[in-house]
C-alpha atoms as a PDB file:
ATOM      1  CA  MET A   1      13.173  14.247 -67.204  1.00  0.00           C
ATOM      2  CA  THR A   2      11.232  16.574 -64.602  1.00  0.00           C
ATOM      3  CA  ASP A   3       9.038  15.294 -62.488  1.00  0.00           C
ATOM      4  CA  ARG A   4       5.953  16.443 -62.468  1.00  0.00           C
ATOM      5  CA  ARG A   5       4.540  14.526 -59.165  1.00  0.00           C
ATOM      6  CA  SER A   6       3.487  16.860 -55.907  1.00  0.00           C
ATOM      7  CA  PRO A   7       5.957  17.610 -53.292  1.00  0.00           C
ATOM      8  CA  PRO A   8       5.987  14.508 -50.301  1.00  0.00           C
ATOM      9  CA  GLY A   9       3.942  16.054 -47.650  1.00  0.00           C
ATOM     10  CA  ARG A  10       1.576  18.550 -49.776  1.00  0.00           C
ATOM     11  CA  SER A  11      -1.671  17.304 -51.273  1.00  0.00           C
ATOM     12  CA  SER A  12      -3.124  17.806 -55.137  1.00  0.00           C
ATOM     13  CA  TRP A  13      -5.697  20.604 -55.492  1.00  0.00           C
ATOM     14  CA  PRO A  14      -8.295  18.000 -56.403  1.00  0.00           C
ATOM     15  CA  SER A  15      -7.634  16.501 -53.354  1.00  0.00           C
ATOM     16  CA  ARG A  16      -7.708  19.561 -50.903  1.00  0.00           C
ATOM     17  CA  LEU A  17     -11.282  20.592 -52.727  1.00  0.00           C
ATOM     18  CA  ARG A  18     -12.602  17.094 -51.897  1.00  0.00           C
ATOM     19  CA  LEU A  19     -15.377  17.763 -48.874  1.00  0.00           C
ATOM     20  CA  PRO A  20     -14.924  15.137 -46.063  1.00  0.00           C
ATOM     21  CA  LYS A  21     -17.085  12.526 -45.736  1.00  0.00           C
ATOM     22  CA  ASP A  22     -19.226  13.797 -42.694  1.00  0.00           C
ATOM     23  CA  ILE A  23     -20.028  16.994 -44.290  1.00  0.00           C
ATOM     24  CA  ALA A  24     -21.043  15.195 -47.387  1.00  0.00           C
ATOM     25  CA  VAL A  25     -23.241  13.702 -45.709  1.00  0.00           C
ATOM     26  CA  LEU A  26     -24.306  15.858 -43.678  1.00  0.00           C
ATOM     27  CA  THR A  27     -25.485  18.472 -46.822  1.00  0.00           C
ATOM     28  CA  LEU A  28     -27.302  14.965 -48.446  1.00  0.00           C
ATOM     29  CA  ALA A  29     -29.519  14.860 -45.188  1.00  0.00           C
ATOM     30  CA  THR A  30     -30.143  18.639 -45.243  1.00  0.00           C
ATOM     31  CA  LEU A  31     -31.117  18.947 -48.808  1.00  0.00           C
ATOM     32  CA  GLY A  32     -33.511  15.510 -48.771  1.00  0.00           C
ATOM     33  CA  GLY A  33     -35.072  17.140 -45.601  1.00  0.00           C
ATOM     34  CA  LEU A  34     -35.539  20.520 -47.556  1.00  0.00           C
ATOM     35  CA  ALA A  35     -37.144  18.253 -50.460  1.00  0.00           C
ATOM     36  CA  LEU A  36     -39.572  16.664 -48.255  1.00  0.00           C
ATOM     37  CA  VAL A  37     -40.941  19.927 -47.154  1.00  0.00           C
ATOM     38  CA  VAL A  38     -41.064  21.333 -50.719  1.00  0.00           C
ATOM     39  CA  TRP A  39     -43.063  17.983 -51.785  1.00  0.00           C
ATOM     40  CA  GLY A  40     -44.854  18.492 -48.316  1.00  0.00           C
ATOM     41  CA  TRP A  41     -46.206  22.030 -49.026  1.00  0.00           C
ATOM     42  CA  LEU A  42     -46.843  21.336 -52.764  1.00  0.00           C
ATOM     43  CA  MET A  43     -49.497  18.751 -52.164  1.00  0.00           C
ATOM     44  CA  GLN A  44     -50.909  20.543 -48.670  1.00  0.00           C
ATOM     45  CA  GLY A  45     -50.760  24.067 -49.925  1.00  0.00           C
ATOM     46  CA  ALA A  46     -51.477  27.167 -47.593  1.00  0.00           C
ATOM     47  CA  GLU A  47     -52.415  24.636 -44.765  1.00  0.00           C
ATOM     48  CA  TYR A  48     -48.893  22.840 -44.788  1.00  0.00           C
ATOM     49  CA  THR A  49     -47.724  26.174 -43.518  1.00  0.00           C
ATOM     50  CA  PRO A  50     -48.473  26.460 -39.993  1.00  0.00           C
ATOM     51  CA  GLY A  51     -47.804  22.746 -39.336  1.00  0.00           C
ATOM     52  CA  LEU A  52     -44.266  23.718 -40.847  1.00  0.00           C
ATOM     53  CA  LEU A  53     -43.351  26.906 -38.676  1.00  0.00           C
ATOM     54  CA  LEU A  54     -44.393  24.575 -35.980  1.00  0.00           C
ATOM     55  CA  GLN A  55     -41.571  22.058 -37.190  1.00  0.00           C
ATOM     56  CA  PHE A  56     -39.261  24.306 -37.678  1.00  0.00           C
ATOM     57  CA  GLY A  57     -39.565  26.462 -33.909  1.00  0.00           C
ATOM     58  CA  SER A  58     -39.380  23.001 -32.107  1.00  0.00           C
ATOM     59  CA  SER A  59     -36.675  22.273 -33.739  1.00  0.00           C
ATOM     60  CA  LEU A  60     -34.608  25.775 -33.516  1.00  0.00           C
ATOM     61  CA  VAL A  61     -35.672  25.085 -29.579  1.00  0.00           C
ATOM     62  CA  LEU A  62     -33.981  21.747 -29.540  1.00  0.00           C
ATOM     63  CA  ILE A  63     -30.965  22.457 -32.231  1.00  0.00           C
ATOM     64  CA  VAL A  64     -29.914  25.779 -30.535  1.00  0.00           C
ATOM     65  CA  PRO A  65     -29.806  25.032 -27.019  1.00  0.00           C
ATOM     66  CA  LEU A  66     -27.499  21.744 -27.713  1.00  0.00           C
ATOM     67  CA  ILE A  67     -25.428  23.866 -30.300  1.00  0.00           C
ATOM     68  CA  VAL A  68     -24.731  26.360 -27.639  1.00  0.00           C
ATOM     69  CA  LEU A  69     -24.471  24.188 -24.728  1.00  0.00           C
ATOM     70  CA  GLY A  70     -21.844  21.805 -27.336  1.00  0.00           C
ATOM     71  CA  ARG A  71     -19.704  24.520 -27.946  1.00  0.00           C
ATOM     72  CA  VAL A  72     -19.361  25.560 -24.059  1.00  0.00           C
ATOM     73  CA  LEU A  73     -18.613  21.899 -23.425  1.00  0.00           C
ATOM     74  CA  GLU A  74     -15.812  21.912 -26.297  1.00  0.00           C
ATOM     75  CA  ARG A  75     -14.363  24.967 -25.165  1.00  0.00           C
ATOM     76  CA  ARG A  76     -14.030  23.994 -21.625  1.00  0.00           C
ATOM     77  CA  MET A  77     -12.775  20.128 -22.412  1.00  0.00           C
ATOM     78  CA  GLN A  78     -10.231  22.007 -24.286  1.00  0.00           C
ATOM     79  CA  ARG A  79      -8.999  24.497 -21.602  1.00  0.00           C
ATOM     80  CA  THR A  80      -9.062  21.492 -19.154  1.00  0.00           C
ATOM     81  CA  GLN A  81      -7.000  19.314 -21.776  1.00  0.00           C
ATOM     82  CA  ASP A  82      -4.620  22.498 -22.056  1.00  0.00           C
ATOM     83  CA  ALA A  83      -4.101  22.574 -18.979  1.00  0.00           C
ATOM     84  CA  LEU A  84      -3.761  18.688 -18.083  1.00  0.00           C
ATOM     85  CA  SER A  85      -1.193  19.044 -20.769  1.00  0.00           C
ATOM     86  CA  SER A  86       0.684  21.679 -19.025  1.00  0.00           C
ATOM     87  CA  ASP A  87       0.593  19.975 -16.048  1.00  0.00           C
ATOM     88  CA  LEU A  88       1.832  16.499 -17.645  1.00  0.00           C
ATOM     89  CA  ALA A  89       4.834  18.713 -19.204  1.00  0.00           C
ATOM     90  CA  ASP A  90       5.565  19.969 -15.624  1.00  0.00           C
ATOM     91  CA  ILE A  91       5.377  16.271 -13.939  1.00  0.00           C
ATOM     92  CA  GLN A  92       7.676  14.826 -16.812  1.00  0.00           C
ATOM     93  CA  ALA A  93      10.144  17.834 -16.412  1.00  0.00           C
ATOM     94  CA  GLN A  94      10.243  16.886 -12.508  1.00  0.00           C
ATOM     95  CA  MET A  95      10.209  13.355 -13.286  1.00  0.00           C
ATOM     96  CA  ARG A  96      13.484  13.598 -15.485  1.00  0.00           C
ATOM     97  CA  ALA A  97      14.845  15.897 -12.819  1.00  0.00           C
ATOM     98  CA  ALA A  98      14.536  13.381 -10.021  1.00  0.00           C
ATOM     99  CA  ARG A  99      15.658  10.761 -12.184  1.00  0.00           C
ATOM    100  CA  ALA A 100      18.438  12.844 -12.673  1.00  0.00           C
ATOM    101  CA  ARG A 101      19.354  13.299  -9.335  1.00  0.00           C
ATOM    102  CA  LEU A 102      19.131   9.759  -8.449  1.00  0.00           C
ATOM    103  CA  ASP A 103      20.923   9.289 -11.088  1.00  0.00           C
ATOM    104  CA  THR A 104      23.727  11.221  -9.401  1.00  0.00           C
ATOM    105  CA  LEU A 105      23.179  10.151  -6.182  1.00  0.00           C
ATOM    106  CA  GLY A 106      22.500   6.209  -6.665  1.00  0.00           C
ATOM    107  CA  GLU A 107      26.152   5.253  -7.119  1.00  0.00           C
ATOM    108  CA  THR A 108      26.908   6.839  -3.982  1.00  0.00           C
ATOM    109  CA  SER A 109      24.039   6.045  -1.940  1.00  0.00           C
ATOM    110  CA  ARG A 110      24.890   2.523  -2.666  1.00  0.00           C
ATOM    111  CA  ASP A 111      28.184   2.689  -2.233  1.00  0.00           C
ATOM    112  CA  GLY A 112      27.541   4.183   1.507  1.00  0.00           C
ATOM    113  CA  LEU A 113      24.865   1.684   2.160  1.00  0.00           C
ATOM    114  CA  LEU A 114      27.098  -1.144   1.128  1.00  0.00           C
ATOM    115  CA  ASP A 115      29.969   0.571   3.033  1.00  0.00           C
ATOM    116  CA  ARG A 116      27.678   0.327   6.379  1.00  0.00           C
ATOM    117  CA  HIS A 117      26.957  -3.028   6.122  1.00  0.00           C
ATOM    118  CA  ARG A 118      30.526  -4.179   5.367  1.00  0.00           C
ATOM    119  CA  ARG A 119      31.538  -2.402   8.848  1.00  0.00           C
ATOM    120  CA  ARG A 120      28.007  -3.609  10.118  1.00  0.00           C
ATOM    121  CA  GLU A 121      29.394  -6.920   9.655  1.00  0.00           C
ATOM    122  CA  LEU A 122      32.810  -6.348  10.520  1.00  0.00           C
ATOM    123  CA  LEU A 123      31.448  -4.907  13.898  1.00  0.00           C
ATOM    124  CA  LEU A 124      29.646  -8.218  14.464  1.00  0.00           C
ATOM    125  CA  ARG A 125      32.171 -10.854  13.501  1.00  0.00           C
ATOM    126  CA  GLU A 126      34.773  -9.045  15.869  1.00  0.00           C
ATOM    127  CA  ALA A 127      32.389  -8.758  18.872  1.00  0.00           C
ATOM    128  CA  GLU A 128      31.844 -12.845  18.152  1.00  0.00           C
ATOM    129  CA  ARG A 129      35.431 -13.470  18.178  1.00  0.00           C
ATOM    130  CA  ALA A 130      36.257 -11.019  20.983  1.00  0.00           C
ATOM    131  CA  PRO A 131      33.032  -9.509  22.855  1.00  0.00           C
ATOM    132  CA  THR A 132      34.779  -6.438  24.397  1.00  0.00           C
ATOM    133  CA  ALA A 133      32.860  -3.599  25.979  1.00  0.00           C
ATOM    134  CA  GLU A 134      33.564  -1.530  22.983  1.00  0.00           C
ATOM    135  CA  ARG A 135      32.583  -3.760  20.603  1.00  0.00           C
ATOM    136  CA  LEU A 136      29.546  -4.375  22.123  1.00  0.00           C
ATOM    137  CA  ALA A 137      29.021  -0.780  22.890  1.00  0.00           C
ATOM    138  CA  SER A 138      29.102  -0.088  19.352  1.00  0.00           C
ATOM    139  CA  LEU A 139      27.015  -2.864  18.358  1.00  0.00           C
ATOM    140  CA  LEU A 140      24.300  -1.731  21.051  1.00  0.00           C
ATOM    141  CA  HIS A 141      24.330   1.770  19.354  1.00  0.00           C
ATOM    142  CA  GLU A 142      23.847   0.846  15.932  1.00  0.00           C
ATOM    143  CA  ALA A 143      20.884  -1.579  16.953  1.00  0.00           C
ATOM    144  CA  ALA A 144      19.291   1.095  18.758  1.00  0.00           C
ATOM    145  CA  GLY A 145      19.651   3.206  15.678  1.00  0.00           C
ATOM    146  CA  LEU A 146      18.499   1.064  13.760  1.00  0.00           C
ATOM    147  CA  GLN A 147      15.382   0.472  16.308  1.00  0.00           C
ATOM    148  CA  ALA A 148      15.843  -3.315  16.277  1.00  0.00           C
ATOM    149  CA  VAL A 149      16.308  -3.620  20.085  1.00  0.00           C
ATOM    150  CA  ASP A 150      14.507  -2.611  23.193  1.00  0.00           C
ATOM    151  CA  ASP A 151      15.708   0.884  24.980  1.00  0.00           C
ATOM    152  CA  GLY A 152      16.781  -1.479  28.032  1.00  0.00           C
ATOM    153  CA  GLY A 153      18.898  -3.732  25.746  1.00  0.00           C
ATOM    154  CA  VAL A 154      19.436  -7.129  25.289  1.00  0.00           C
ATOM    155  CA  ARG A 155      19.032 -10.211  28.086  1.00  0.00           C
ATOM    156  CA  THR A 156      20.012 -14.010  27.315  1.00  0.00           C
ATOM    157  CA  ARG A 157      19.389 -16.407  29.973  1.00  0.00           C
ATOM    158  CA  LEU A 158      22.445 -17.921  32.149  1.00  0.00           C
ATOM    159  CA  PRO A 159      22.394 -22.055  31.754  1.00  0.00           C
ATOM    160  CA  GLY A 160      21.092 -23.852  34.421  1.00  0.00           C
ATOM    161  CA  SER A 161      19.816 -20.789  35.850  1.00  0.00           C
ATOM    162  CA  ASP A 162      16.643 -19.283  36.874  1.00  0.00           C
ATOM    163  CA  LEU A 163      18.712 -15.741  36.093  1.00  0.00           C
ATOM    164  CA  TRP A 164      19.350 -13.838  32.955  1.00  0.00           C
ATOM    165  CA  LEU A 165      22.768 -11.594  31.750  1.00  0.00           C
ATOM    166  CA  ARG A 166      20.767  -8.259  30.501  1.00  0.00           C
ATOM    167  CA  LEU A 167      22.949  -5.644  28.240  1.00  0.00           C
ATOM    168  CA  ASP A 168      22.372  -2.151  27.834  1.00  0.00           C
ATOM    169  CA  LEU A 169      23.629   1.236  27.035  1.00  0.00           C
ATOM    170  CA  ARG A 170      21.929   4.144  29.538  1.00  0.00           C
ATOM    171  CA  ARG A 171      22.808   7.955  29.321  1.00  0.00           C
ATOM    172  CA  THR A 172      24.027   8.583  32.985  1.00  0.00           C
ATOM    173  CA  ALA A 173      27.650   8.682  34.030  1.00  0.00           C
ATOM    174  CA  ALA A 174      29.802   5.930  35.379  1.00  0.00           C
ATOM    175  CA  GLU A 175      29.313   4.473  39.028  1.00  0.00           C
ATOM    176  CA  PRO A 176      32.154   6.359  41.306  1.00  0.00           C
ATOM    177  CA  ASN A 177      34.799   4.204  42.849  1.00  0.00           C
ATOM    178  CA  GLN A 178      33.954   1.140  41.369  1.00  0.00           C
ATOM    179  CA  PRO A 179      35.833  -1.928  43.465  1.00  0.00           C
ATOM    180  CA  ASN A 180      39.123  -3.246  42.093  1.00  0.00           C
ATOM    181  CA  GLN A 181      38.711  -0.087  39.523  1.00  0.00           C
ATOM    182  CA  PRO A 182      40.466   3.757  40.089  1.00  0.00           C
ATOM    183  CA  ASN A 183      37.922   5.861  39.199  1.00  0.00           C
ATOM    184  CA  GLN A 184      37.866   6.811  35.454  1.00  0.00           C
ATOM    185  CA  GLN A 185      36.403   8.907  32.941  1.00  0.00           C
ATOM    186  CA  ILE A 186      34.064   6.789  30.501  1.00  0.00           C
ATOM    187  CA  GLN A 187      35.488   7.907  27.186  1.00  0.00           C
ATOM    188  CA  ALA A 188      33.539   8.234  23.750  1.00  0.00           C
ATOM    189  CA  GLN A 189      33.618   4.943  21.616  1.00  0.00           C
ATOM    190  CA  PRO A 190      33.222   4.888  17.891  1.00  0.00           C
ATOM    191  CA  GLY A 191      29.782   5.123  17.105  1.00  0.00           C
ATOM    192  CA  ARG A 192      28.264   6.093  20.151  1.00  0.00           C
ATOM    193  CA  SER A 193      27.755   9.543  22.249  1.00  0.00           C
ATOM    194  CA  ALA A 194      30.233  10.328  25.285  1.00  0.00           C
ATOM    195  CA  ASP A 195      27.571  10.104  27.652  1.00  0.00           C
ATOM    196  CA  GLU A 196      26.382   6.692  26.902  1.00  0.00           C
ATOM    197  CA  THR A 197      27.662   4.084  29.104  1.00  0.00           C
ATOM    198  CA  LEU A 198      27.759   0.266  28.822  1.00  0.00           C
ATOM    199  CA  HIS A 199      25.796  -1.686  31.677  1.00  0.00           C
ATOM    200  CA  LEU A 200      25.199  -5.728  32.705  1.00  0.00           C
ATOM    201  CA  THR A 201      23.048  -6.347  34.751  1.00  0.00           C
ATOM    202  CA  LEU A 202      21.699 -10.292  36.501  1.00  0.00           C
ATOM    203  CA  GLU A 203      17.741 -10.478  36.641  1.00  0.00           C
ATOM    204  CA  ASP A 204      14.800 -12.705  37.286  1.00  0.00           C
ATOM    205  CA  ARG A 205      12.626 -13.949  34.376  1.00  0.00           C
ATOM    206  CA  GLY A 206      10.128 -10.761  34.868  1.00  0.00           C
ATOM    207  CA  GLY A 207      13.056  -8.419  34.761  1.00  0.00           C
ATOM    208  CA  GLU A 208      14.102  -7.502  38.371  1.00  0.00           C
ATOM    209  CA  ALA A 209      17.388  -6.735  39.320  1.00  0.00           C
ATOM    210  CA  ALA A 210      19.833  -8.814  41.309  1.00  0.00           C
ATOM    211  CA  SER A 211      23.012  -7.278  40.695  1.00  0.00           C
ATOM    212  CA  GLY A 212      24.201  -4.593  38.305  1.00  0.00           C
ATOM    213  CA  THR A 213      27.327  -2.615  37.311  1.00  0.00           C
ATOM    214  CA  VAL A 214      29.209  -0.758  34.447  1.00  0.00           C
ATOM    215  CA  TRP A 215      31.279  -2.224  32.282  1.00  0.00           C
ATOM    216  CA  ALA A 216      34.568   0.331  31.149  1.00  0.00           C
ATOM    217  CA  ARG A 217      35.551   0.502  27.922  1.00  0.00           C
ATOM    218  CA  ASP A 218      39.402  -1.026  29.070  1.00  0.00           C
ATOM    219  CA  GLU A 219      38.080  -3.816  31.595  1.00  0.00           C
ATOM    220  CA  GLN A 220      38.015  -7.430  31.121  1.00  0.00           C
ATOM    221  CA  ALA A 221      34.880  -9.225  31.139  1.00  0.00           C
ATOM    222  CA  SER A 222      35.845 -11.223  33.641  1.00  0.00           C
ATOM    223  CA  ALA A 223      36.143  -8.499  36.058  1.00  0.00           C
ATOM    224  CA  VAL A 224      32.659  -7.349  35.438  1.00  0.00           C
ATOM    225  CA  ALA A 225      31.428 -11.126  35.834  1.00  0.00           C
ATOM    226  CA  ARG A 226      33.607 -11.430  39.219  1.00  0.00           C
ATOM    227  CA  ARG A 227      31.643  -8.307  40.475  1.00  0.00           C
ATOM    228  CA  LEU A 228      28.194  -8.656  39.532  1.00  0.00           C
ATOM    229  CA  THR A 229      28.730 -11.982  41.601  1.00  0.00           C
ATOM    230  CA  ALA A 230      29.737 -10.584  44.411  1.00  0.00           C
ATOM    231  CA  ARG A 231      27.082  -7.567  44.284  1.00  0.00           C
ATOM    232  CA  ARG A 232      24.467  -9.676  43.930  1.00  0.00           C
ATOM    233  CA  THR A 233      21.864  -9.248  46.816  1.00  0.00           C
ATOM    234  CA  GLY A 234      20.288 -12.450  48.691  1.00  0.00           C
ATOM    235  CA  VAL A 235      18.626 -15.198  47.277  1.00  0.00           C
ATOM    236  CA  VAL A 236      15.363 -14.919  46.432  1.00  0.00           C
ATOM    237  CA  PRO A 237      12.794 -18.159  46.672  1.00  0.00           C
ATOM    238  CA  GLY A 238      12.243 -18.984  43.178  1.00  0.00           C
ATOM    239  CA  ARG A 239      15.704 -17.950  42.227  1.00  0.00           C
ATOM    240  CA  ALA A 240      19.223 -20.289  41.682  1.00  0.00           C
ATOM    241  CA  SER A 241      21.769 -20.305  44.173  1.00  0.00           C
ATOM    242  CA  THR A 242      24.442 -17.781  43.539  1.00  0.00           C
ATOM    243  CA  GLY A 243      27.091 -20.347  43.195  1.00  0.00           C
ATOM    244  CA  THR A 244      24.698 -21.624  40.338  1.00  0.00           C
ATOM    245  CA  ALA A 245      24.950 -18.250  38.916  1.00  0.00           C
ATOM    246  CA  ALA A 246      28.381 -17.844  39.909  1.00  0.00           C
ATOM    247  CA  THR A 247      29.469 -20.889  37.968  1.00  0.00           C
ATOM    248  CA  ALA A 248      27.442 -19.811  34.569  1.00  0.00           C
ATOM    249  CA  LEU A 249      29.145 -16.505  35.032  1.00  0.00           C
ATOM    250  CA  ARG A 250      32.650 -18.263  34.350  1.00  0.00           C
ATOM    251  CA  ASP A 251      32.112 -18.687  31.171  1.00  0.00           C
ATOM    252  CA  ILE A 252      30.724 -14.612  30.291  1.00  0.00           C
ATOM    253  CA  ASP A 253      32.134 -14.958  27.224  1.00  0.00           C
ATOM    254  CA  GLY A 254      30.230 -17.529  25.740  1.00  0.00           C
ATOM    255  CA  LEU A 255      27.550 -15.412  27.323  1.00  0.00           C
ATOM    256  CA  LEU A 256      28.130 -12.311  25.152  1.00  0.00           C
ATOM    257  CA  ARG A 257      28.528 -13.938  22.595  1.00  0.00           C
ATOM    258  CA  LEU A 258      25.087 -14.904  23.046  1.00  0.00           C
ATOM    259  CA  LEU A 259      23.884 -11.743  23.189  1.00  0.00           C
ATOM    260  CA  VAL A 260      26.090 -10.501  20.538  1.00  0.00           C
ATOM    261  CA  ALA A 261      23.910 -13.453  18.291  1.00  0.00           C
ATOM    262  CA  THR A 262      20.702 -11.979  19.770  1.00  0.00           C
ATOM    263  CA  LEU A 263      22.032  -8.000  18.342  1.00  0.00           C
ATOM    264  CA  ARG A 264      22.468  -9.856  14.920  1.00  0.00           C
ATOM    265  CA  THR A 265      19.327 -11.265  14.393  1.00  0.00           C
ATOM    266  CA  ALA A 266      17.678  -7.818  15.661  1.00  0.00           C
ATOM    267  CA  ILE A 267      19.796  -6.026  13.038  1.00  0.00           C
ATOM    268  CA  ALA A 268      19.194  -8.566  10.433  1.00  0.00           C
ATOM    269  CA  ALA A 269      15.613  -8.530  10.962  1.00  0.00           C
ATOM    270  CA  ARG A 270      15.213  -5.083  11.093  1.00  0.00           C
ATOM    271  CA  THR A 271      17.382  -4.076   7.664  1.00  0.00           C
ATOM    272  CA  GLY A 272      15.281  -7.028   5.466  1.00  0.00           C
ATOM    273  CA  GLN A 273      18.153  -9.949   5.983  1.00  0.00           C
ATOM    274  CA  GLU A 274      15.580 -12.007   7.807  1.00  0.00           C
ATOM    275  CA  PRO A 275      12.605 -12.808   6.541  1.00  0.00           C
ATOM    276  CA  GLN A 276      10.122 -11.139   9.389  1.00  0.00           C
ATOM    277  CA  ASP A 277      10.377  -8.063  11.132  1.00  0.00           C
ATOM    278  CA  LEU A 278      10.555  -8.869  15.270  1.00  0.00           C
ATOM    279  CA  GLY A 279       9.683  -5.260  16.032  1.00  0.00           C
ATOM    280  CA  ARG A 280      12.406  -4.006  19.160  1.00  0.00           C
ATOM    281  CA  LEU A 281      13.837  -7.233  20.445  1.00  0.00           C
ATOM    282  CA  ILE A 282      14.527  -8.492  23.524  1.00  0.00           C
ATOM    283  CA  GLU A 283      15.193 -11.893  23.733  1.00  0.00           C
ATOM    284  CA  LEU A 284      15.382 -15.121  21.755  1.00  0.00           C
ATOM    285  CA  PRO A 285      14.490 -17.942  24.480  1.00  0.00           C
ATOM    286  CA  ASN A 286      14.665 -20.447  21.735  1.00  0.00           C
ATOM    287  CA  GLU A 287      14.777 -20.824  18.255  1.00  0.00           C
ATOM    288  CA  GLN A 288      11.332 -21.404  17.539  1.00  0.00           C
ATOM    289  CA  TRP A 289      10.323 -17.730  19.326  1.00  0.00           C
ATOM    290  CA  ALA A 290      11.811 -14.440  20.181  1.00  0.00           C
ATOM    291  CA  ILE A 291      10.219 -11.519  22.628  1.00  0.00           C
ATOM    292  CA  SER A 292      10.129  -8.190  22.173  1.00  0.00           C
ATOM    293  CA  ALA A 293       8.919  -5.184  23.489  1.00  0.00           C
ATOM    294  CA  ASP A 294       5.865  -5.769  20.854  1.00  0.00           C
ATOM    295  CA  GLY A 295       5.121  -9.275  22.134  1.00  0.00           C
ATOM    296  CA  LEU A 296       6.100 -13.109  21.068  1.00  0.00           C
ATOM    297  CA  TRP A 297       6.956 -13.198  17.639  1.00  0.00           C
ATOM    298  CA  CYS A 298       7.775 -17.142  16.092  1.00  0.00           C
ATOM    299  CA  ARG A 299      10.888 -16.798  14.429  1.00  0.00           C
ATOM    300  CA  GLN A 300       9.637 -19.778  11.671  1.00  0.00           C
ATOM    301  CA  ARG A 301       6.726 -18.451  10.255  1.00  0.00           C
ATOM    302  CA  TYR A 302       4.438 -15.083  11.415  1.00  0.00           C
ATOM    303  CA  PHE A 303       2.818 -15.482  14.044  1.00  0.00           C
ATOM    304  CA  HIS A 304       2.912 -12.653  16.439  1.00  0.00           C
ATOM    305  CA  ILE A 305       0.977 -12.337  19.736  1.00  0.00           C
ATOM    306  CA  ARG A 306       0.785  -8.705  20.285  1.00  0.00           C
ATOM    307  CA  THR A 307       1.976  -7.384  23.980  1.00  0.00           C
ATOM    308  CA  GLU A 308      -1.820  -6.511  25.009  1.00  0.00           C
ATOM    309  CA  GLN A 309      -3.142 -10.145  23.630  1.00  0.00           C
ATOM    310  CA  LEU A 310      -0.902 -11.233  26.116  1.00  0.00           C
ATOM    311  CA  LEU A 311      -1.419  -9.623  28.933  1.00  0.00           C
ATOM    312  CA  ASP A 312      -5.243  -9.323  28.520  1.00  0.00           C
ATOM    313  CA  ALA A 313      -6.624 -12.225  30.783  1.00  0.00           C
ATOM    314  CA  ARG A 314      -9.603 -12.478  28.909  1.00  0.00           C
ATOM    315  CA  GLN A 315      -7.971 -14.382  25.558  1.00  0.00           C
ATOM    316  CA  ASP A 316      -6.113 -17.435  26.244  1.00  0.00           C
ATOM    317  CA  TRP A 317      -3.472 -17.075  23.684  1.00  0.00           C
ATOM    318  CA  ARG A 318      -1.751 -20.036  25.387  1.00  0.00           C
ATOM    319  CA  ARG A 319      -4.098 -22.745  24.765  1.00  0.00           C
ATOM    320  CA  TYR A 320      -4.481 -21.191  21.308  1.00  0.00           C
ATOM    321  CA  THR A 321      -0.958 -21.445  20.231  1.00  0.00           C
ATOM    322  CA  LEU A 322      -0.402 -24.592  21.674  1.00  0.00           C
ATOM    323  CA  THR A 323      -3.550 -26.584  18.771  1.00  0.00           C
ATOM    324  CA  LYS A 324      -1.139 -25.703  16.470  1.00  0.00           C
ATOM    325  CA  SER A 325       0.588 -28.697  14.937  1.00  0.00           C
ATOM    326  CA  TRP A 326       3.862 -26.779  13.990  1.00  0.00           C
ATOM    327  CA  VAL A 327       4.339 -25.626  17.976  1.00  0.00           C
ATOM    328  CA  ASP A 328       6.821 -27.079  19.949  1.00  0.00           C
ATOM    329  CA  ARG A 329       5.172 -27.249  23.380  1.00  0.00           C
ATOM    330  CA  GLU A 330       8.444 -27.063  25.524  1.00  0.00           C
ATOM    331  CA  HIS A 331       9.876 -24.071  23.426  1.00  0.00           C
ATOM    332  CA  PHE A 332       6.645 -22.130  23.568  1.00  0.00           C
ATOM    333  CA  LEU A 333       5.699 -22.561  27.298  1.00  0.00           C
ATOM    334  CA  ASP A 334       9.029 -21.250  28.033  1.00  0.00           C
ATOM    335  CA  ALA A 335       8.976 -18.510  26.258  1.00  0.00           C
ATOM    336  CA  TYR A 336       5.316 -17.588  26.605  1.00  0.00           C
ATOM    337  CA  ARG A 337       5.820 -17.961  30.457  1.00  0.00           C
ATOM    338  CA  THR A 338       9.251 -15.139  30.272  1.00  0.00           C
ATOM    339  CA  ALA A 339       7.452 -13.453  27.809  1.00  0.00           C
ATOM    340  CA  HIS A 340       4.506 -12.777  29.941  1.00  0.00           C
ATOM    341  CA  ALA A 341       6.609 -12.002  33.391  1.00  0.00           C
ATOM    342  CA  LEU A 342       8.775  -9.968  31.317  1.00  0.00           C
ATOM    343  CA  LEU A 343       6.487  -7.744  29.653  1.00  0.00           C
ATOM    344  CA  SER A 344       3.934  -7.671  32.479  1.00  0.00           C
ATOM    345  CA  GLY A 345       6.401  -6.282  34.967  1.00  0.00           C
ATOM    346  CA  SER A 346       7.359  -3.229  32.246  1.00  0.00           C
ATOM    347  CA  ALA A 347       3.521  -2.715  31.824  1.00  0.00           C
ATOM    348  CA  SER A 348       3.232  -1.899  35.611  1.00  0.00           C
ATOM    349  CA  ALA A 349       6.329   0.069  35.758  1.00  0.00           C
ATOM    350  CA  SER A 350       5.180   2.227  33.083  1.00  0.00           C
END
């Protein structure tokens, strides 16, 4: 049996001849208006003609410009839509290309980041286990590349002393003819430049050096500690005695592990493993506070005293911070005193 229905997707001819609803309404309104005009003319005769002409003229004056303006706007909107469609197509094509590149590079990048994180963690663990010059220099170079530490390195306080031990990398040649050490060329270490040498310095609270020396690649830390004690200048009022510093430096490995812990915190804060970024870290005076080139940071919550605020005599941030219930008074006062002395010395030197 033959199916006499029209094919799918094609309308029958009666439906194709059916006028749209809006055109039908417009036609009826036009015919009704013409009927009213004729009725008015029949009622008034020739007197109706001037008014009728006036109405037609005013209608033309109002309608024709609107029609022309509407068509102009329509053409401009169409051109704008075409341009937007073209731009959108270009953007979609670029997004697809970028997504394809990201998909291609994603695995490689993630693998590279994970591999670097694993190598960094391995280096930290090895330095914690045995803090050698080579490992500490590589860690400092890694932290400096992340801008996680100050350009002057990191430091830690000697227990029971008014001296600090600073560890830093400098782009200078090795000191010639060091005591008990032959003159040798510093070899390039993995992960750092060949002209970077590792330095250990004893300094006071404000960063003024009491003694310092180069730590060669293959030298034992105990030998460097003995050299630091021997090179220390005379006792200055306000500093600990030479005997106290020498006693603290006997546990040089313990002091170096504290410096490794500072580097670990600095790297973790910069890479997002810590709750907040601590800036270019210098020292961790206690478990609540951190001193960086950017000022004094609280490690337990977001509270930051910027360097310019810390050094501004018109702002009493010490009294303001001590009003906080969560502040440990002794820890804060010690960290504030150290940060003020250290950062004011850096500001005056610069």
